[in-house]
Protein backbone atom coordinates (compact mmCIF):
# COMPACT_ATOMS: atom_id res chain seq x y z
CA MET A 1 -49.49 234.41 97.76
CA ASN A 2 -49.22 238.09 98.65
CA LYS A 3 -47.47 239.55 101.71
CA ALA A 4 -50.73 240.06 103.66
CA GLU A 5 -51.68 236.41 103.21
CA ALA A 6 -48.16 235.34 104.13
CA ARG A 7 -48.26 237.48 107.29
CA ASP A 8 -51.60 235.97 108.33
CA ILE A 9 -50.24 232.44 107.88
CA VAL A 10 -47.00 233.16 109.75
CA LEU A 11 -48.85 234.77 112.66
CA ASP A 12 -51.41 231.97 112.78
CA VAL A 13 -48.67 229.33 112.88
CA LEU A 14 -46.78 231.25 115.57
CA ALA A 15 -49.97 231.59 117.63
CA GLY A 16 -50.23 227.82 117.66
CA ILE A 17 -46.69 227.51 118.98
CA ALA A 18 -46.60 230.46 121.39
CA PRO A 19 -50.25 231.31 122.17
CA GLU A 20 -49.34 233.54 125.11
CA ALA A 21 -47.42 236.04 122.94
CA ASP A 22 -48.72 239.51 122.12
CA TYR A 23 -48.52 239.56 118.34
CA ALA A 24 -49.61 243.18 118.12
CA VAL A 25 -46.19 244.29 119.36
CA LEU A 26 -44.08 241.74 117.49
CA LYS A 27 -41.20 243.48 115.73
CA GLY A 28 -40.47 242.35 112.19
CA THR A 29 -36.69 242.50 112.44
CA VAL A 30 -36.09 240.84 115.81
CA GLN A 31 -35.34 237.14 115.89
CA LEU A 32 -38.48 235.16 116.66
CA ARG A 33 -36.61 232.83 118.99
CA ASP A 34 -35.60 235.79 121.15
CA GLU A 35 -38.84 237.73 120.96
CA LEU A 36 -41.14 234.77 121.59
CA ASP A 37 -38.72 232.73 123.72
CA LEU A 38 -38.84 229.80 121.30
CA ASP A 39 -36.50 226.89 121.78
CA SER A 40 -35.00 224.90 118.91
CA MET A 41 -37.91 222.42 118.84
CA ASP A 42 -40.43 225.27 118.74
CA PHE A 43 -38.58 226.75 115.78
CA LEU A 44 -38.54 223.39 113.96
CA ASN A 45 -42.27 223.05 114.66
CA PHE A 46 -42.72 226.53 113.18
CA ILE A 47 -40.86 225.49 110.01
CA ALA A 48 -42.82 222.24 109.73
CA ALA A 49 -46.16 223.99 110.23
CA LEU A 50 -45.30 226.63 107.61
CA HIS A 51 -44.44 223.86 105.16
CA GLU A 52 -47.67 222.02 105.96
CA ARG A 53 -49.81 225.15 105.52
CA THR A 54 -48.10 226.49 102.39
CA LYS A 55 -46.64 223.36 100.74
CA ILE A 56 -43.45 225.41 100.23
CA GLU A 57 -40.27 223.39 100.64
CA ILE A 58 -37.98 224.95 103.23
CA PRO A 59 -34.54 223.37 103.09
CA GLU A 60 -32.43 223.57 106.24
CA ARG A 61 -29.96 225.93 104.55
CA ASN A 62 -32.83 228.48 104.29
CA TYR A 63 -33.88 228.35 107.96
CA PRO A 64 -31.94 231.56 108.75
CA LYS A 65 -34.19 233.39 106.29
CA LEU A 66 -37.11 232.63 108.63
CA PHE A 67 -35.48 233.79 111.86
CA THR A 68 -37.50 237.04 111.87
CA LEU A 69 -41.15 237.82 111.22
CA ASP A 70 -40.24 239.91 108.16
CA GLY A 71 -37.95 237.18 106.86
CA ALA A 72 -40.60 234.49 107.23
CA ILE A 73 -43.20 236.66 105.49
CA ASP A 74 -40.81 237.44 102.65
CA TYR A 75 -39.84 233.78 102.27
CA ILE A 76 -43.34 232.36 101.96
CA GLY A 77 -44.85 235.42 100.30
CA ARG A 78 -42.58 235.35 97.28
């Protein structure tokens, strides 16, 4: 999967969790939990939905790699 496909998936998953957010202004290096006001359950739902969509295993030790938009795109777009 290339980075553009990864970005589309990440944004689509986030839109399902925080539909009110303006994704056009989302910064790639800011923590998603802060920028989108996600709580811990929202973040776990984000991880689960990414796994479901991509079939990529995301062990708990790698969750910090998905804290930002850029990090999530890099992780699943490898």
